[in-house]
Amino acid sequence: MFGLKSLLLFSLFINVLVSGYQGEQRNSLEDLMRRVLDRLEAQRHERARQSASWDSYIDNLIAQSKDASGTTHVDKACIIGLDGGAQWTTDNHPNALKLTQTERTHIASAFKSKNFTPFMTDGITAEGTKYNFLREEDGKKVYAKIRGQGALSLQVSKTAIVIAHCPEGLQQGNANKAVGVIAEYLESLGM
């Protein structure tokens, strides 16, 4: 909610305000300022913790892509919001699929409108690589691929889009299954 600039401006404002008071009033305002800043810092930590907790879904998705021999068929994944493509998972995870805001917005817009024509004509860009649209199923699932780079599997829930990258030479079917498990789980939670 508040960035560093906001905190600094708030702190400056309180310092100016406090400088005009004497004795007990000043101590009381300084104490109030400390409590407000502590609360803002706690909120910032809570937002960071909540974002980090979504990152565990990346690990779960990768684990879901394992075949009988133990080979995982997903190397990177992310979850974005259906409304506008906001990041749910962070880029800090070592297996994060790091989409730009433009890439996330393009994907979210197509799923939100259930109009996949832009994917058919422009492809799907992820991490700067343009993947060729393969097909769409039920307005909920989209698959894309490019020779030498691998494939993308995308599936929408009520409020999110789960996206995974399958490296070249591995089985996209396993990635599709893993994405489906996570998307359906989110859907079961009303998300």
N, C-alpha and C. Protein backbone atom coordinates (compact mmCIF):
# COMPACT_ATOMS: atom_id res chain seq x y z
N MET A 1 0.82 -1.17 0.00
CA MET A 1 0.00 0.00 0.00
C MET A 1 0.87 1.24 0.00
N PHE A 2 1.88 1.27 0.88
CA PHE A 2 2.77 2.42 0.93
C PHE A 2 4.15 2.00 0.47
N GLY A 3 4.74 2.79 -0.41
CA GLY A 3 6.10 2.54 -0.85
C GLY A 3 7.08 3.31 0.01
N LEU A 4 8.33 3.16 -0.30
CA LEU A 4 9.38 3.84 0.45
C LEU A 4 9.22 5.35 0.40
N LYS A 5 8.88 5.89 -0.78
CA LYS A 5 8.69 7.34 -0.90
C LYS A 5 7.57 7.82 0.02
N SER A 6 6.48 7.07 0.07
CA SER A 6 5.36 7.46 0.93
C SER A 6 5.77 7.45 2.39
N LEU A 7 6.53 6.42 2.79
CA LEU A 7 6.99 6.35 4.17
C LEU A 7 7.90 7.52 4.52
N LEU A 8 8.80 7.86 3.60
CA LEU A 8 9.71 8.98 3.86
C LEU A 8 8.95 10.30 3.95
N LEU A 9 7.99 10.51 3.06
CA LEU A 9 7.18 11.73 3.12
C LEU A 9 6.36 11.79 4.40
N PHE A 10 5.79 10.67 4.79
CA PHE A 10 5.01 10.61 6.02
C PHE A 10 5.91 10.92 7.22
N SER A 11 7.07 10.31 7.24
CA SER A 11 8.02 10.55 8.33
C SER A 11 8.42 12.03 8.40
N LEU A 12 8.70 12.62 7.25
CA LEU A 12 9.05 14.04 7.21
C LEU A 12 7.90 14.89 7.73
N PHE A 13 6.68 14.58 7.31
CA PHE A 13 5.50 15.31 7.78
C PHE A 13 5.37 15.23 9.29
N ILE A 14 5.50 14.04 9.84
CA ILE A 14 5.38 13.86 11.29
C ILE A 14 6.50 14.61 12.02
N ASN A 15 7.72 14.56 11.47
CA ASN A 15 8.83 15.28 12.10
C ASN A 15 8.57 16.78 12.14
N VAL A 16 8.05 17.33 11.06
CA VAL A 16 7.72 18.76 11.03
C VAL A 16 6.62 19.05 12.05
N LEU A 17 5.62 18.20 12.11
CA LEU A 17 4.52 18.36 13.05
C LEU A 17 5.02 18.29 14.49
N VAL A 18 5.85 17.30 14.78
CA VAL A 18 6.37 17.09 16.13
C VAL A 18 7.26 18.25 16.57
N SER A 19 8.01 18.83 15.63
CA SER A 19 8.94 19.90 16.01
C SER A 19 8.21 21.12 16.58
N GLY A 20 6.92 21.26 16.30
CA GLY A 20 6.15 22.39 16.81
C GLY A 20 5.59 22.14 18.20
N TYR A 21 5.75 20.96 18.74
CA TYR A 21 5.20 20.63 20.05
C TYR A 21 6.32 20.52 21.09
N GLN A 22 5.96 20.64 22.37
CA GLN A 22 6.92 20.59 23.47
C GLN A 22 6.55 19.46 24.43
N GLY A 23 7.53 18.98 25.18
CA GLY A 23 7.32 18.08 26.31
C GLY A 23 6.51 16.84 26.01
N GLU A 24 5.44 16.64 26.84
CA GLU A 24 4.63 15.43 26.74
C GLU A 24 3.94 15.30 25.39
N GLN A 25 3.49 16.43 24.84
CA GLN A 25 2.83 16.37 23.54
C GLN A 25 3.80 15.83 22.49
N ARG A 26 5.05 16.28 22.54
CA ARG A 26 6.05 15.85 21.57
C ARG A 26 6.32 14.35 21.71
N ASN A 27 6.51 13.88 22.95
CA ASN A 27 6.75 12.45 23.18
C ASN A 27 5.58 11.62 22.70
N SER A 28 4.39 12.10 22.93
CA SER A 28 3.18 11.41 22.51
C SER A 28 3.12 11.31 20.98
N LEU A 29 3.45 12.38 20.27
CA LEU A 29 3.44 12.35 18.80
C LEU A 29 4.55 11.46 18.26
N GLU A 30 5.73 11.50 18.91
CA GLU A 30 6.82 10.63 18.46
C GLU A 30 6.44 9.17 18.64
N ASP A 31 5.78 8.86 19.76
CA ASP A 31 5.32 7.49 20.00
C ASP A 31 4.29 7.08 18.94
N LEU A 32 3.37 7.99 18.63
CA LEU A 32 2.37 7.73 17.59
C LEU A 32 3.05 7.47 16.24
N MET A 33 4.04 8.30 15.91
CA MET A 33 4.76 8.13 14.65
C MET A 33 5.45 6.76 14.61
N ARG A 34 6.09 6.37 15.70
CA ARG A 34 6.76 5.06 15.75
C ARG A 34 5.76 3.93 15.54
N ARG A 35 4.60 4.03 16.20
CA ARG A 35 3.59 2.97 16.07
C ARG A 35 3.05 2.90 14.64
N VAL A 36 2.81 4.04 14.02
CA VAL A 36 2.32 4.07 12.64
C VAL A 36 3.36 3.47 11.70
N LEU A 37 4.61 3.89 11.85
CA LEU A 37 5.67 3.35 10.98
C LEU A 37 5.86 1.85 11.21
N ASP A 38 5.77 1.39 12.46
CA ASP A 38 5.86 -0.05 12.75
C ASP A 38 4.73 -0.81 12.07
N ARG A 39 3.53 -0.24 12.13
CA ARG A 39 2.36 -0.88 11.50
C ARG A 39 2.54 -0.95 9.97
N LEU A 40 3.02 0.13 9.37
CA LEU A 40 3.24 0.15 7.92
C LEU A 40 4.30 -0.89 7.54
N GLU A 41 5.34 -0.99 8.33
CA GLU A 41 6.40 -1.98 8.07
C GLU A 41 5.85 -3.40 8.21
N ALA A 42 5.01 -3.63 9.21
CA ALA A 42 4.40 -4.95 9.39
C ALA A 42 3.50 -5.31 8.20
N GLN A 43 2.77 -4.32 7.70
CA GLN A 43 1.92 -4.57 6.52
C GLN A 43 2.77 -4.90 5.30
N ARG A 44 3.90 -4.20 5.14
CA ARG A 44 4.80 -4.48 4.02
C ARG A 44 5.34 -5.91 4.11
N HIS A 45 5.74 -6.33 5.31
CA HIS A 45 6.24 -7.69 5.50
C HIS A 45 5.14 -8.72 5.23
N GLU A 46 3.91 -8.43 5.64
CA GLU A 46 2.81 -9.35 5.42
C GLU A 46 2.53 -9.52 3.92
N ARG A 47 2.56 -8.41 3.17
CA ARG A 47 2.36 -8.50 1.71
C ARG A 47 3.47 -9.34 1.08
N ALA A 48 4.70 -9.14 1.52
CA ALA A 48 5.82 -9.91 0.99
C ALA A 48 5.66 -11.39 1.33
N ARG A 49 5.21 -11.68 2.56
CA ARG A 49 5.02 -13.07 2.97
C ARG A 49 3.92 -13.73 2.14
N GLN A 50 2.83 -13.00 1.92
CA GLN A 50 1.74 -13.56 1.13
C GLN A 50 2.17 -13.83 -0.30
N SER A 51 2.94 -12.93 -0.90
CA SER A 51 3.45 -13.15 -2.25
C SER A 51 4.35 -14.37 -2.28
N ALA A 52 5.22 -14.48 -1.29
CA ALA A 52 6.14 -15.61 -1.24
C ALA A 52 5.38 -16.92 -1.08
N SER A 53 4.25 -16.90 -0.38
CA SER A 53 3.51 -18.14 -0.19
C SER A 53 2.94 -18.66 -1.51
N TRP A 54 2.64 -17.77 -2.45
CA TRP A 54 2.18 -18.22 -3.77
C TRP A 54 3.31 -18.93 -4.50
N ASP A 55 4.56 -18.58 -4.20
CA ASP A 55 5.69 -19.22 -4.86
C ASP A 55 5.74 -20.72 -4.62
N SER A 56 5.18 -21.18 -3.51
CA SER A 56 5.18 -22.63 -3.24
C SER A 56 4.35 -23.38 -4.28
N TYR A 57 3.42 -22.68 -4.94
CA TYR A 57 2.64 -23.32 -6.00
C TYR A 57 3.53 -23.69 -7.19
N ILE A 58 4.60 -22.93 -7.40
CA ILE A 58 5.54 -23.27 -8.48
C ILE A 58 6.17 -24.62 -8.19
N ASP A 59 6.63 -24.83 -6.96
CA ASP A 59 7.22 -26.12 -6.57
C ASP A 59 6.22 -27.25 -6.73
N ASN A 60 4.99 -27.01 -6.30
CA ASN A 60 3.95 -28.02 -6.39
C ASN A 60 3.67 -28.37 -7.85
N LEU A 61 3.57 -27.36 -8.70
CA LEU A 61 3.29 -27.59 -10.12
C LEU A 61 4.42 -28.42 -10.76
N ILE A 62 5.65 -28.07 -10.47
CA ILE A 62 6.78 -28.82 -11.03
C ILE A 62 6.74 -30.27 -10.56
N ALA A 63 6.44 -30.48 -9.29
CA ALA A 63 6.33 -31.84 -8.75
C ALA A 63 5.20 -32.62 -9.43
N GLN A 64 4.10 -31.94 -9.74
CA GLN A 64 2.97 -32.59 -10.40
C GLN A 64 3.30 -33.02 -11.83
N SER A 65 4.37 -32.46 -12.41
CA SER A 65 4.72 -32.78 -13.80
C SER A 65 5.61 -34.02 -13.93
N LYS A 66 5.96 -34.63 -12.81
CA LYS A 66 6.84 -35.82 -12.85
C LYS A 66 6.15 -36.99 -13.53
N ASP A 67 6.95 -37.73 -14.30
CA ASP A 67 6.43 -38.95 -14.89
C ASP A 67 6.84 -40.14 -14.01
N ALA A 68 6.54 -41.36 -14.47
CA ALA A 68 6.81 -42.56 -13.67
C ALA A 68 8.30 -42.73 -13.36
N SER A 69 9.16 -42.23 -14.23
CA SER A 69 10.61 -42.36 -14.00
C SER A 69 11.15 -41.27 -13.08
N GLY A 70 10.31 -40.29 -12.70
CA GLY A 70 10.74 -39.22 -11.82
C GLY A 70 11.21 -37.97 -12.55
N THR A 71 11.15 -37.99 -13.89
CA THR A 71 11.55 -36.82 -14.68
C THR A 71 10.47 -35.76 -14.58
N THR A 72 10.88 -34.53 -14.28
CA THR A 72 9.92 -33.43 -14.29
C THR A 72 9.87 -32.84 -15.70
N HIS A 73 8.68 -32.45 -16.12
CA HIS A 73 8.48 -31.93 -17.48
C HIS A 73 8.14 -30.44 -17.49
N VAL A 74 8.33 -29.77 -16.35
CA VAL A 74 8.16 -28.33 -16.24
C VAL A 74 9.41 -27.77 -15.59
N ASP A 75 9.99 -26.74 -16.20
CA ASP A 75 11.17 -26.11 -15.58
C ASP A 75 10.86 -24.73 -15.01
N LYS A 76 9.78 -24.09 -15.49
CA LYS A 76 9.42 -22.75 -15.01
C LYS A 76 7.91 -22.63 -15.00
N ALA A 77 7.41 -21.82 -14.05
CA ALA A 77 5.96 -21.61 -13.96
C ALA A 77 5.66 -20.29 -13.26
N CYS A 78 4.42 -19.85 -13.41
CA CYS A 78 3.94 -18.66 -12.69
C CYS A 78 2.43 -18.70 -12.63
N ILE A 79 1.89 -17.86 -11.76
CA ILE A 79 0.45 -17.66 -11.67
C ILE A 79 0.22 -16.15 -11.75
N ILE A 80 -0.72 -15.77 -12.61
CA ILE A 80 -1.07 -14.36 -12.75
C ILE A 80 -2.57 -14.20 -12.55
N GLY A 81 -2.99 -12.98 -12.25
CA GLY A 81 -4.41 -12.70 -12.06
C GLY A 81 -5.14 -12.59 -13.38
N LEU A 82 -6.37 -13.04 -13.39
CA LEU A 82 -7.20 -12.96 -14.59
C LEU A 82 -7.54 -11.51 -14.94
N ASP A 83 -7.73 -10.68 -13.92
CA ASP A 83 -8.03 -9.27 -14.15
C ASP A 83 -6.73 -8.48 -14.25
N GLY A 84 -6.26 -8.23 -15.45
CA GLY A 84 -5.10 -7.37 -15.66
C GLY A 84 -3.75 -8.05 -15.64
N GLY A 85 -3.69 -9.31 -15.24
CA GLY A 85 -2.42 -10.03 -15.28
C GLY A 85 -1.47 -9.74 -14.13
N ALA A 86 -1.98 -9.30 -12.99
CA ALA A 86 -1.10 -9.03 -11.84
C ALA A 86 -0.37 -10.31 -11.42
N GLN A 87 0.86 -10.17 -10.98
CA GLN A 87 1.65 -11.31 -10.54
C GLN A 87 1.11 -11.85 -9.22
N TRP A 88 0.91 -13.16 -9.16
CA TRP A 88 0.59 -13.82 -7.89
C TRP A 88 1.88 -14.43 -7.34
N THR A 89 2.63 -15.10 -8.22
CA THR A 89 3.93 -15.63 -7.82
C THR A 89 4.96 -14.54 -8.10
N THR A 90 6.11 -14.64 -7.44
CA THR A 90 7.14 -13.62 -7.63
C THR A 90 8.22 -14.09 -8.59
N ASP A 91 9.02 -13.14 -9.05
CA ASP A 91 10.16 -13.47 -9.90
C ASP A 91 11.35 -13.94 -9.07
N ASN A 92 11.23 -13.93 -7.75
CA ASN A 92 12.32 -14.33 -6.87
C ASN A 92 12.53 -15.84 -6.83
N HIS A 93 11.49 -16.60 -7.15
CA HIS A 93 11.60 -18.07 -7.12
C HIS A 93 12.56 -18.51 -8.21
N PRO A 94 13.45 -19.47 -7.92
CA PRO A 94 14.44 -19.90 -8.94
C PRO A 94 13.80 -20.50 -10.20
N ASN A 95 12.57 -20.99 -10.09
CA ASN A 95 11.89 -21.58 -11.25
C ASN A 95 10.73 -20.72 -11.73
N ALA A 96 10.80 -19.42 -11.45
CA ALA A 96 9.74 -18.51 -11.87
C ALA A 96 9.80 -18.29 -13.37
N LEU A 97 8.65 -18.33 -14.02
CA LEU A 97 8.52 -17.90 -15.40
C LEU A 97 8.32 -16.40 -15.31
N LYS A 98 9.30 -15.64 -15.74
CA LYS A 98 9.33 -14.19 -15.52
C LYS A 98 8.73 -13.44 -16.71
N LEU A 99 7.43 -13.19 -16.61
CA LEU A 99 6.71 -12.49 -17.67
C LEU A 99 6.74 -10.99 -17.41
N THR A 100 6.85 -10.22 -18.48
CA THR A 100 6.76 -8.76 -18.36
C THR A 100 5.31 -8.38 -18.13
N GLN A 101 5.07 -7.15 -17.71
CA GLN A 101 3.70 -6.68 -17.53
C GLN A 101 2.93 -6.76 -18.86
N THR A 102 3.57 -6.42 -19.96
CA THR A 102 2.92 -6.48 -21.27
C THR A 102 2.53 -7.92 -21.61
N GLU A 103 3.42 -8.87 -21.35
CA GLU A 103 3.12 -10.28 -21.62
C GLU A 103 1.96 -10.77 -20.75
N ARG A 104 1.98 -10.39 -19.47
CA ARG A 104 0.91 -10.81 -18.55
C ARG A 104 -0.43 -10.20 -18.97
N THR A 105 -0.42 -8.93 -19.33
CA THR A 105 -1.65 -8.24 -19.74
C THR A 105 -2.23 -8.87 -21.00
N HIS A 106 -1.39 -9.19 -21.97
CA HIS A 106 -1.82 -9.82 -23.22
C HIS A 106 -2.50 -11.17 -22.94
N ILE A 107 -1.89 -11.96 -22.09
CA ILE A 107 -2.43 -13.28 -21.75
C ILE A 107 -3.75 -13.12 -20.99
N ALA A 108 -3.76 -12.27 -19.97
CA ALA A 108 -4.96 -12.09 -19.15
C ALA A 108 -6.13 -11.56 -19.98
N SER A 109 -5.85 -10.64 -20.88
CA SER A 109 -6.90 -10.05 -21.72
C SER A 109 -7.58 -11.12 -22.58
N ALA A 110 -6.79 -11.99 -23.18
CA ALA A 110 -7.36 -13.05 -24.03
C ALA A 110 -8.22 -14.00 -23.21
N PHE A 111 -7.73 -14.40 -22.04
CA PHE A 111 -8.51 -15.33 -21.21
C PHE A 111 -9.76 -14.66 -20.65
N LYS A 112 -9.65 -13.41 -20.24
CA LYS A 112 -10.79 -12.70 -19.66
C LYS A 112 -11.92 -12.56 -20.69
N SER A 113 -11.56 -12.22 -21.93
CA SER A 113 -12.56 -12.03 -22.99
C SER A 113 -12.94 -13.34 -23.68
N LYS A 114 -12.16 -14.39 -23.41
CA LYS A 114 -12.32 -15.69 -24.10
C LYS A 114 -12.19 -15.51 -25.62
N ASN A 115 -11.40 -14.51 -26.00
CA ASN A 115 -11.11 -14.26 -27.41
C ASN A 115 -9.63 -14.58 -27.63
N PHE A 116 -9.37 -15.73 -28.21
CA PHE A 116 -7.99 -16.19 -28.39
C PHE A 116 -7.43 -15.86 -29.77
N THR A 117 -8.15 -15.03 -30.53
CA THR A 117 -7.68 -14.60 -31.85
C THR A 117 -6.31 -13.92 -31.78
N PRO A 118 -6.04 -13.06 -30.77
CA PRO A 118 -4.70 -12.47 -30.70
C PRO A 118 -3.60 -13.53 -30.55
N PHE A 119 -3.88 -14.61 -29.86
CA PHE A 119 -2.90 -15.69 -29.74
C PHE A 119 -2.69 -16.36 -31.10
N MET A 120 -3.78 -16.52 -31.84
CA MET A 120 -3.70 -17.17 -33.15
C MET A 120 -2.89 -16.33 -34.13
N THR A 121 -3.09 -15.02 -34.08
CA THR A 121 -2.40 -14.15 -35.03
C THR A 121 -1.01 -13.70 -34.57
N ASP A 122 -0.85 -13.43 -33.26
CA ASP A 122 0.41 -12.88 -32.75
C ASP A 122 1.25 -13.87 -31.96
N GLY A 123 0.68 -15.03 -31.64
CA GLY A 123 1.38 -15.98 -30.78
C GLY A 123 1.26 -15.55 -29.33
N ILE A 124 1.99 -16.26 -28.46
CA ILE A 124 2.02 -15.94 -27.04
C ILE A 124 3.47 -15.69 -26.67
N THR A 125 3.76 -14.51 -26.17
CA THR A 125 5.14 -14.18 -25.81
C THR A 125 5.34 -14.38 -24.32
N ALA A 126 6.41 -15.09 -23.99
CA ALA A 126 6.79 -15.34 -22.60
C ALA A 126 8.30 -15.20 -22.49
N GLU A 127 8.74 -14.37 -21.57
CA GLU A 127 10.16 -14.08 -21.37
C GLU A 127 10.83 -13.66 -22.68
N GLY A 128 10.08 -12.91 -23.50
CA GLY A 128 10.62 -12.39 -24.75
C GLY A 128 10.60 -13.36 -25.92
N THR A 129 10.20 -14.60 -25.70
CA THR A 129 10.13 -15.60 -26.76
C THR A 129 8.69 -15.75 -27.22
N LYS A 130 8.50 -15.68 -28.54
CA LYS A 130 7.15 -15.82 -29.10
C LYS A 130 6.88 -17.28 -29.43
N TYR A 131 5.87 -17.84 -28.77
CA TYR A 131 5.45 -19.23 -28.98
C TYR A 131 4.27 -19.26 -29.94
N ASN A 132 4.24 -20.25 -30.80
CA ASN A 132 3.15 -20.41 -31.76
C ASN A 132 1.95 -21.06 -31.07
N PHE A 133 0.80 -20.45 -31.27
CA PHE A 133 -0.45 -20.98 -30.73
C PHE A 133 -0.74 -22.34 -31.34
N LEU A 134 -1.04 -23.33 -30.51
CA LEU A 134 -1.40 -24.66 -31.00
C LEU A 134 -2.92 -24.85 -30.99
N ARG A 135 -3.50 -24.66 -29.80
CA ARG A 135 -4.96 -24.84 -29.70
C ARG A 135 -5.46 -24.29 -28.37
N GLU A 136 -6.78 -24.16 -28.32
CA GLU A 136 -7.50 -23.72 -27.13
C GLU A 136 -8.58 -24.76 -26.86
N GLU A 137 -8.84 -25.04 -25.59
CA GLU A 137 -9.88 -26.00 -25.23
C GLU A 137 -10.83 -25.40 -24.22
N ASP A 138 -12.11 -25.43 -24.51
CA ASP A 138 -13.17 -25.04 -23.58
C ASP A 138 -13.07 -23.60 -23.06
N GLY A 139 -12.33 -22.75 -23.74
CA GLY A 139 -12.16 -21.38 -23.25
C GLY A 139 -11.35 -21.31 -21.97
N LYS A 140 -10.74 -22.44 -21.56
CA LYS A 140 -10.02 -22.49 -20.29
C LYS A 140 -8.55 -22.89 -20.43
N LYS A 141 -8.22 -23.58 -21.51
CA LYS A 141 -6.87 -24.10 -21.67
C LYS A 141 -6.29 -23.64 -23.00
N VAL A 142 -5.01 -23.29 -22.98
CA VAL A 142 -4.32 -22.86 -24.19
C VAL A 142 -2.95 -23.52 -24.21
N TYR A 143 -2.55 -23.96 -25.40
CA TYR A 143 -1.24 -24.60 -25.57
C TYR A 143 -0.49 -23.90 -26.70
N ALA A 144 0.81 -23.74 -26.51
CA ALA A 144 1.66 -23.08 -27.50
C ALA A 144 3.02 -23.76 -27.50
N LYS A 145 3.74 -23.61 -28.63
CA LYS A 145 5.03 -24.29 -28.76
C LYS A 145 5.88 -23.56 -29.78
N ILE A 146 7.19 -23.68 -29.62
CA ILE A 146 8.12 -23.21 -30.64
C ILE A 146 9.31 -24.16 -30.65
N ARG A 147 9.66 -24.57 -31.84
CA ARG A 147 10.75 -25.52 -32.01
C ARG A 147 12.05 -24.95 -31.41
N GLY A 148 12.70 -25.78 -30.63
CA GLY A 148 13.98 -25.40 -30.03
C GLY A 148 13.86 -24.70 -28.69
N GLN A 149 12.66 -24.23 -28.34
CA GLN A 149 12.46 -23.50 -27.07
C GLN A 149 11.54 -24.23 -26.09
N GLY A 150 10.71 -25.12 -26.60
CA GLY A 150 9.78 -25.83 -25.73
C GLY A 150 8.35 -25.38 -25.94
N ALA A 151 7.55 -25.55 -24.89
CA ALA A 151 6.12 -25.32 -25.00
C ALA A 151 5.57 -24.61 -23.77
N LEU A 152 4.42 -23.99 -23.93
CA LEU A 152 3.69 -23.35 -22.84
C LEU A 152 2.35 -24.04 -22.67
N SER A 153 1.96 -24.22 -21.41
CA SER A 153 0.63 -24.71 -21.06
C SER A 153 0.01 -23.67 -20.15
N LEU A 154 -1.21 -23.25 -20.48
CA LEU A 154 -1.91 -22.23 -19.71
C LEU A 154 -3.32 -22.71 -19.40
N GLN A 155 -3.77 -22.48 -18.17
CA GLN A 155 -5.15 -22.82 -17.82
C GLN A 155 -5.67 -21.79 -16.83
N VAL A 156 -6.91 -21.39 -17.04
CA VAL A 156 -7.54 -20.37 -16.20
C VAL A 156 -8.41 -21.02 -15.13
N SER A 157 -8.44 -20.41 -13.95
CA SER A 157 -9.40 -20.76 -12.91
C SER A 157 -10.38 -19.59 -12.84
N LYS A 158 -11.09 -19.43 -11.75
CA LYS A 158 -12.05 -18.32 -11.65
C LYS A 158 -11.36 -16.96 -11.64
N THR A 159 -10.17 -16.86 -11.02
CA THR A 159 -9.54 -15.56 -10.87
C THR A 159 -8.06 -15.53 -11.26
N ALA A 160 -7.52 -16.66 -11.71
CA ALA A 160 -6.08 -16.73 -11.99
C ALA A 160 -5.81 -17.52 -13.26
N ILE A 161 -4.59 -17.34 -13.76
CA ILE A 161 -4.12 -18.12 -14.91
C ILE A 161 -2.82 -18.80 -14.48
N VAL A 162 -2.79 -20.11 -14.59
CA VAL A 162 -1.61 -20.90 -14.25
C VAL A 162 -0.86 -21.15 -15.55
N ILE A 163 0.44 -20.87 -15.56
CA ILE A 163 1.25 -20.97 -16.77
C ILE A 163 2.51 -21.78 -16.47
N ALA A 164 2.83 -22.73 -17.35
CA ALA A 164 4.05 -23.52 -17.17
C ALA A 164 4.81 -23.62 -18.47
N HIS A 165 6.12 -23.73 -18.37
CA HIS A 165 6.99 -23.93 -19.52
C HIS A 165 7.54 -25.35 -19.47
N CYS A 166 7.41 -26.04 -20.59
CA CYS A 166 7.95 -27.39 -20.76
C CYS A 166 9.15 -27.29 -21.69
N PRO A 167 10.35 -27.67 -21.22
CA PRO A 167 11.54 -27.57 -22.07
C PRO A 167 11.44 -28.45 -23.32
N GLU A 168 12.16 -28.06 -24.35
CA GLU A 168 12.23 -28.83 -25.59
C GLU A 168 12.66 -30.26 -25.28
N GLY A 169 12.00 -31.21 -25.92
CA GLY A 169 12.35 -32.62 -25.76
C GLY A 169 11.61 -33.34 -24.64
N LEU A 170 10.91 -32.61 -23.80
CA LEU A 170 10.13 -33.24 -22.74
C LEU A 170 8.66 -33.26 -23.15
N GLN A 171 7.82 -33.88 -22.35
CA GLN A 171 6.43 -34.13 -22.72
C GLN A 171 5.49 -33.02 -22.24
N GLN A 172 4.94 -32.28 -23.20
CA GLN A 172 4.01 -31.21 -22.86
C GLN A 172 2.76 -31.76 -22.18
N GLY A 173 2.39 -32.99 -22.47
CA GLY A 173 1.22 -33.59 -21.82
C GLY A 173 1.35 -33.61 -20.31
N ASN A 174 2.55 -33.88 -19.82
CA ASN A 174 2.78 -33.87 -18.38
C ASN A 174 2.67 -32.46 -17.81
N ALA A 175 3.13 -31.47 -18.57
CA ALA A 175 3.00 -30.07 -18.16
C ALA A 175 1.52 -29.67 -18.14
N ASN A 176 0.77 -30.10 -19.17
CA ASN A 176 -0.67 -29.81 -19.23
C ASN A 176 -1.38 -30.36 -17.99
N LYS A 177 -1.04 -31.59 -17.63
CA LYS A 177 -1.66 -32.23 -16.46
C LYS A 177 -1.33 -31.46 -15.19
N ALA A 178 -0.08 -31.06 -15.02
CA ALA A 178 0.35 -30.34 -13.82
C ALA A 178 -0.35 -28.99 -13.71
N VAL A 179 -0.43 -28.27 -14.82
CA VAL A 179 -1.12 -26.97 -14.83
C VAL A 179 -2.59 -27.17 -14.46
N GLY A 180 -3.19 -28.23 -14.98
CA GLY A 180 -4.59 -28.53 -14.68
C GLY A 180 -4.83 -28.81 -13.21
N VAL A 181 -3.92 -29.53 -12.59
CA VAL A 181 -4.05 -29.84 -11.16
C VAL A 181 -4.09 -28.56 -10.34
N ILE A 182 -3.17 -27.65 -10.61
CA ILE A 182 -3.10 -26.39 -9.84
C ILE A 182 -4.32 -25.51 -10.15
N ALA A 183 -4.67 -25.36 -11.42
CA ALA A 183 -5.81 -24.51 -11.79
C ALA A 183 -7.11 -25.04 -11.19
N GLU A 184 -7.29 -26.34 -11.22
CA GLU A 184 -8.51 -26.92 -10.66
C GLU A 184 -8.54 -26.81 -9.14
N TYR A 185 -7.38 -26.90 -8.50
CA TYR A 185 -7.31 -26.70 -7.05
C TYR A 185 -7.71 -25.26 -6.71
N LEU A 186 -7.16 -24.29 -7.43
CA LEU A 186 -7.52 -22.90 -7.19
C LEU A 186 -9.02 -22.69 -7.40
N GLU A 187 -9.54 -23.31 -8.44
CA GLU A 187 -10.97 -23.20 -8.73
C GLU A 187 -11.81 -23.76 -7.57
N SER A 188 -11.35 -24.89 -7.01
CA SER A 188 -12.08 -25.50 -5.88
C SER A 188 -12.10 -24.59 -4.66
N LEU A 189 -11.13 -23.68 -4.56
CA LEU A 189 -11.07 -22.71 -3.45
C LEU A 189 -11.85 -21.43 -3.78
N GLY A 190 -12.46 -21.40 -4.97
CA GLY A 190 -13.20 -20.22 -5.38
C GLY A 190 -12.32 -19.15 -5.99
N MET A 191 -11.10 -19.54 -6.33
CA MET A 191 -10.16 -18.57 -6.90
C MET A 191 -9.96 -18.83 -8.38
